[in-house]
């Protein structure tokens, strides 16, 4: 019995020392969707002429680990990079946070996962630079906080888009298909999001639109 235990311990040590670690990092093409440090502070003006200042923090990177085991012995480990950036308006009532993770997106093995947290909404899709990918059932889904009430939305890539006489290059346009559901006055129903700049235009509750003012 003692010899069997020693053999098992030795085998466990050998297997643990042979664990393969795979590292997955966010694609370089996707890092452009975070606001540059020079573009993190800006002003938005709504349809009523009311202005609000916005600020983004720096884009932070961190990793998480997953692994597989056989008989409680680790055999493979994966390290996944995540990059997130948080922003808020001067009143603290509008919060925006893009997050890109190096997870494999459904059947698209080289595609990263993109989540845009905006107040109570979470827009989710796969992303590879200028290309966007739906969920496994071929739908782009937006969720309320807690990932309840999945809502369909459309997304398109625009080579350029002009807001308040300033033209932005590389813009993501997201729009809910059906807005007939319970929501708050700050629920985003349409968003324009630019590379290197972040939020440039949004419509809340399908009623009030905010536009980014030029620097």
Protein backbone atom coordinates (compact mmCIF):
# COMPACT_ATOMS: atom_id res chain seq x y z
CA UNK A 1 0.00 0.00 0.00
CA UNK A 2 2.84 2.33 0.90
CA UNK A 3 4.62 1.61 -2.38
CA UNK A 4 1.45 2.31 -4.36
CA UNK A 5 1.04 5.65 -2.58
CA UNK A 6 4.62 6.61 -3.34
CA UNK A 7 4.18 5.65 -6.98
CA UNK A 8 0.98 7.70 -7.21
CA UNK A 9 2.68 10.70 -5.60
CA UNK A 10 5.61 10.42 -7.99
CA UNK A 11 3.27 10.12 -10.95
CA UNK A 12 1.32 13.18 -9.79
CA UNK A 13 4.54 15.17 -9.47
CA UNK A 14 5.69 14.18 -12.96
CA UNK A 15 2.31 15.01 -14.53
CA UNK A 16 2.08 18.33 -12.71
CA UNK A 17 5.56 19.28 -13.87
CA UNK A 18 4.54 18.55 -17.46
CA UNK A 19 1.46 20.80 -17.48
CA UNK A 20 1.25 22.73 -20.71
CA UNK A 21 0.33 26.39 -20.46
CA UNK A 22 -1.22 28.18 -23.42
CA UNK A 23 -1.31 31.96 -23.37
CA UNK A 24 -4.01 33.84 -25.26
CA UNK A 25 -3.66 37.59 -25.79
CA UNK A 26 -6.00 40.23 -27.14
CA UNK A 27 -5.41 40.76 -30.86
CA UNK A 28 -3.38 43.87 -31.67
CA UNK A 29 -6.07 45.01 -34.13
CA UNK A 30 -8.62 45.13 -31.29
CA UNK A 31 -6.61 47.36 -28.98
CA UNK A 32 -7.47 50.38 -31.15
CA UNK A 33 -11.01 50.34 -29.72
CA UNK A 34 -9.81 51.76 -26.42
CA UNK A 35 -9.59 55.52 -25.94
CA UNK A 36 -6.07 56.92 -26.14
CA UNK A 37 -4.79 58.86 -23.13
CA UNK A 38 -5.03 62.09 -25.13
CA UNK A 39 -8.72 61.46 -25.89
CA UNK A 40 -9.93 60.31 -22.47
CA UNK A 41 -11.50 63.60 -21.36
CA UNK A 42 -14.25 65.16 -23.46
CA UNK A 43 -17.64 66.88 -23.42
CA UNK A 44 -21.01 65.63 -24.67
CA UNK A 45 -23.96 67.89 -25.48
CA UNK A 46 -27.56 66.66 -25.69
CA UNK A 47 -30.52 67.73 -27.83
CA UNK A 48 -31.42 70.35 -25.24
CA UNK A 49 -27.99 71.99 -25.32
CA UNK A 50 -27.01 70.63 -21.89
CA UNK A 51 -23.33 69.70 -21.66
CA UNK A 52 -21.71 67.00 -19.54
CA UNK A 53 -18.02 66.22 -19.14
CA UNK A 54 -16.83 62.62 -19.52
CA UNK A 55 -13.62 60.91 -18.51
CA UNK A 56 -12.04 57.52 -19.28
CA UNK A 57 -9.40 55.91 -17.14
CA UNK A 58 -6.44 54.08 -18.61
CA UNK A 59 -6.97 50.72 -20.29
CA UNK A 60 -6.01 48.03 -17.80
CA UNK A 61 -4.85 44.52 -18.69
CA UNK A 62 -5.15 41.45 -16.47
CA UNK A 63 -5.18 37.67 -16.92
CA UNK A 64 -7.34 34.79 -15.75
CA UNK A 65 -6.56 31.09 -15.75
CA UNK A 66 -8.51 27.99 -16.68
CA UNK A 67 -7.34 24.39 -16.59
CA UNK A 68 -8.20 20.75 -17.17
CA UNK A 69 -7.44 17.87 -14.84
CA UNK A 70 -7.37 14.08 -14.88
CA UNK A 71 -7.98 12.42 -11.51
CA UNK A 72 -7.47 15.83 -9.87
CA UNK A 73 -4.08 16.15 -11.56
CA UNK A 74 -3.67 19.27 -13.77
CA UNK A 75 -2.92 18.44 -17.40
CA UNK A 76 -3.37 21.72 -19.25
CA UNK A 77 -3.66 25.36 -18.28
CA UNK A 78 -4.80 28.42 -20.23
CA UNK A 79 -4.00 32.05 -19.49
CA UNK A 80 -6.36 34.62 -21.02
CA UNK A 81 -5.73 38.34 -21.30
CA UNK A 82 -8.51 40.84 -20.65
CA UNK A 83 -8.36 44.59 -21.28
CA UNK A 84 -10.95 46.95 -19.83
CA UNK A 85 -11.44 50.71 -19.66
CA UNK A 86 -14.00 52.56 -17.58
CA UNK A 87 -15.56 55.95 -18.16
CA UNK A 88 -18.14 58.09 -16.36
CA UNK A 89 -19.84 61.44 -16.83
CA UNK A 90 -19.57 64.39 -14.47
CA UNK A 91 -22.79 63.46 -12.63
CA UNK A 92 -21.88 59.81 -12.24
CA UNK A 93 -25.12 58.83 -13.96
CA UNK A 94 -23.69 57.49 -17.22
CA UNK A 95 -21.02 54.79 -17.10
CA UNK A 96 -19.32 53.25 -20.10
CA UNK A 97 -16.81 50.41 -20.05
CA UNK A 98 -15.49 48.45 -23.07
CA UNK A 99 -13.88 45.10 -22.29
CA UNK A 100 -12.07 42.83 -24.75
CA UNK A 101 -11.11 39.30 -23.74
CA UNK A 102 -8.90 36.79 -25.50
CA UNK A 103 -11.52 34.07 -25.15
CA UNK A 104 -12.34 32.00 -28.19
CA UNK A 105 -15.59 33.38 -29.56
CA UNK A 106 -18.02 30.52 -30.26
CA UNK A 107 -16.71 28.67 -33.35
CA UNK A 108 -14.41 31.51 -34.37
CA UNK A 109 -11.21 30.36 -32.68
CA UNK A 110 -9.14 33.48 -33.35
CA UNK A 111 -11.83 36.02 -32.52
CA UNK A 112 -11.85 37.97 -29.25
CA UNK A 113 -14.90 38.63 -27.09
CA UNK A 114 -16.11 42.23 -26.92
CA UNK A 115 -18.45 43.56 -24.24
CA UNK A 116 -19.59 47.16 -24.05
CA UNK A 117 -21.03 47.91 -20.62
CA UNK A 118 -23.19 51.03 -20.79
CA UNK A 119 -25.29 51.82 -17.71
CA UNK A 120 -27.73 48.89 -17.37
CA UNK A 121 -26.91 47.47 -20.81
CA UNK A 122 -24.25 45.00 -21.97
CA UNK A 123 -23.66 44.70 -25.73
CA UNK A 124 -21.85 41.42 -26.53
CA UNK A 125 -20.20 40.15 -29.73
CA UNK A 126 -17.05 38.71 -31.24
CA UNK A 127 -14.55 41.16 -32.71
CA UNK A 128 -11.49 41.11 -34.95
CA UNK A 129 -10.44 44.64 -35.82
CA UNK A 130 -13.11 45.93 -38.21
CA UNK A 131 -15.07 42.65 -38.31
CA UNK A 132 -17.89 41.74 -35.93
CA UNK A 133 -19.34 38.30 -35.16
CA UNK A 134 -22.69 37.27 -33.63
CA UNK A 135 -23.40 34.65 -30.98
CA UNK A 136 -23.70 30.94 -31.75
CA UNK A 137 -27.31 31.35 -32.92
CA UNK A 138 -26.23 34.12 -35.32
CA UNK A 139 -27.68 36.91 -33.20
CA UNK A 140 -26.09 40.02 -31.76
CA UNK A 141 -27.38 40.23 -28.19
CA UNK A 142 -27.71 43.06 -25.71
CA UNK A 143 -28.49 42.21 -22.10
CA UNK A 144 -29.85 44.13 -19.16
CA UNK A 145 -27.81 44.06 -15.95
CA UNK A 146 -27.62 40.51 -14.66
CA UNK A 147 -27.71 39.23 -18.25
CA UNK A 148 -31.50 39.05 -18.29
CA UNK A 149 -33.82 39.85 -21.20
CA UNK A 150 -31.57 39.28 -24.22
CA UNK A 151 -32.38 41.83 -26.93
CA UNK A 152 -31.28 41.73 -30.55
CA UNK A 153 -29.27 44.57 -32.03
CA UNK A 154 -27.54 45.42 -35.27
CA UNK A 155 -23.90 46.43 -35.60
CA UNK A 156 -21.96 47.89 -38.51
CA UNK A 157 -18.48 49.22 -39.11
CA UNK A 158 -18.26 52.73 -40.56
CA UNK A 159 -15.06 53.92 -42.20
CA UNK A 160 -15.85 57.41 -40.91
CA UNK A 161 -18.60 59.28 -39.09
CA UNK A 162 -19.00 62.99 -38.39
CA UNK A 163 -20.25 64.36 -35.09
CA UNK A 164 -20.41 68.09 -34.33
CA UNK A 165 -18.31 68.88 -37.42
CA UNK A 166 -15.51 66.47 -36.41
CA UNK A 167 -14.95 63.33 -38.49
CA UNK A 168 -13.84 60.14 -36.74
CA UNK A 169 -12.16 57.25 -38.56
CA UNK A 170 -13.23 53.71 -37.73
CA UNK A 171 -16.60 53.75 -35.96
CA UNK A 172 -18.76 51.00 -34.47
CA UNK A 173 -22.50 51.65 -34.79
CA UNK A 174 -24.81 49.63 -32.53
CA UNK A 175 -28.61 49.90 -32.51
CA UNK A 176 -31.30 47.91 -30.73
CA UNK A 177 -33.86 46.36 -33.05
CA UNK A 178 -36.79 46.37 -30.62
CA UNK A 179 -36.90 49.07 -27.95
CA UNK A 180 -40.38 48.10 -26.65
CA UNK A 181 -39.33 46.77 -23.23
CA UNK A 182 -39.02 48.14 -19.67
CA UNK A 183 -36.02 50.43 -19.41
CA UNK A 184 -34.66 53.45 -17.62
CA UNK A 185 -34.08 56.91 -19.04
CA UNK A 186 -30.34 56.21 -19.34
CA UNK A 187 -30.62 52.88 -21.19
CA UNK A 188 -28.59 53.18 -24.44
CA UNK A 189 -30.61 52.22 -27.51
CA UNK A 190 -28.11 53.47 -30.11
CA UNK A 191 -24.35 54.00 -29.82
CA UNK A 192 -21.54 55.31 -32.02
CA UNK A 193 -18.13 54.28 -30.71
CA UNK A 194 -14.87 55.32 -32.40
CA UNK A 195 -11.40 53.81 -32.39
CA UNK A 196 -8.91 55.69 -30.18
CA UNK A 197 -11.73 57.96 -28.92
CA UNK A 198 -14.47 55.83 -27.39
CA UNK A 199 -17.99 57.22 -27.13
CA UNK A 200 -18.85 59.88 -29.72
CA UNK A 201 -22.66 59.71 -29.87
CA UNK A 202 -25.46 57.87 -28.08
CA UNK A 203 -29.22 57.85 -27.74
CA UNK A 204 -30.75 57.08 -24.35
CA UNK A 205 -34.17 55.44 -23.99
CA UNK A 206 -34.71 56.03 -27.74
CA UNK A 207 -35.44 59.68 -26.86
CA UNK A 208 -32.43 61.82 -25.91
CA UNK A 209 -29.26 61.96 -28.04
CA UNK A 210 -25.84 63.15 -26.83
CA UNK A 211 -23.11 64.29 -29.21
CA UNK A 212 -19.40 64.54 -28.50
CA UNK A 213 -18.02 68.04 -28.95
CA UNK A 214 -14.69 68.53 -30.77
CA UNK A 215 -11.62 69.16 -28.63
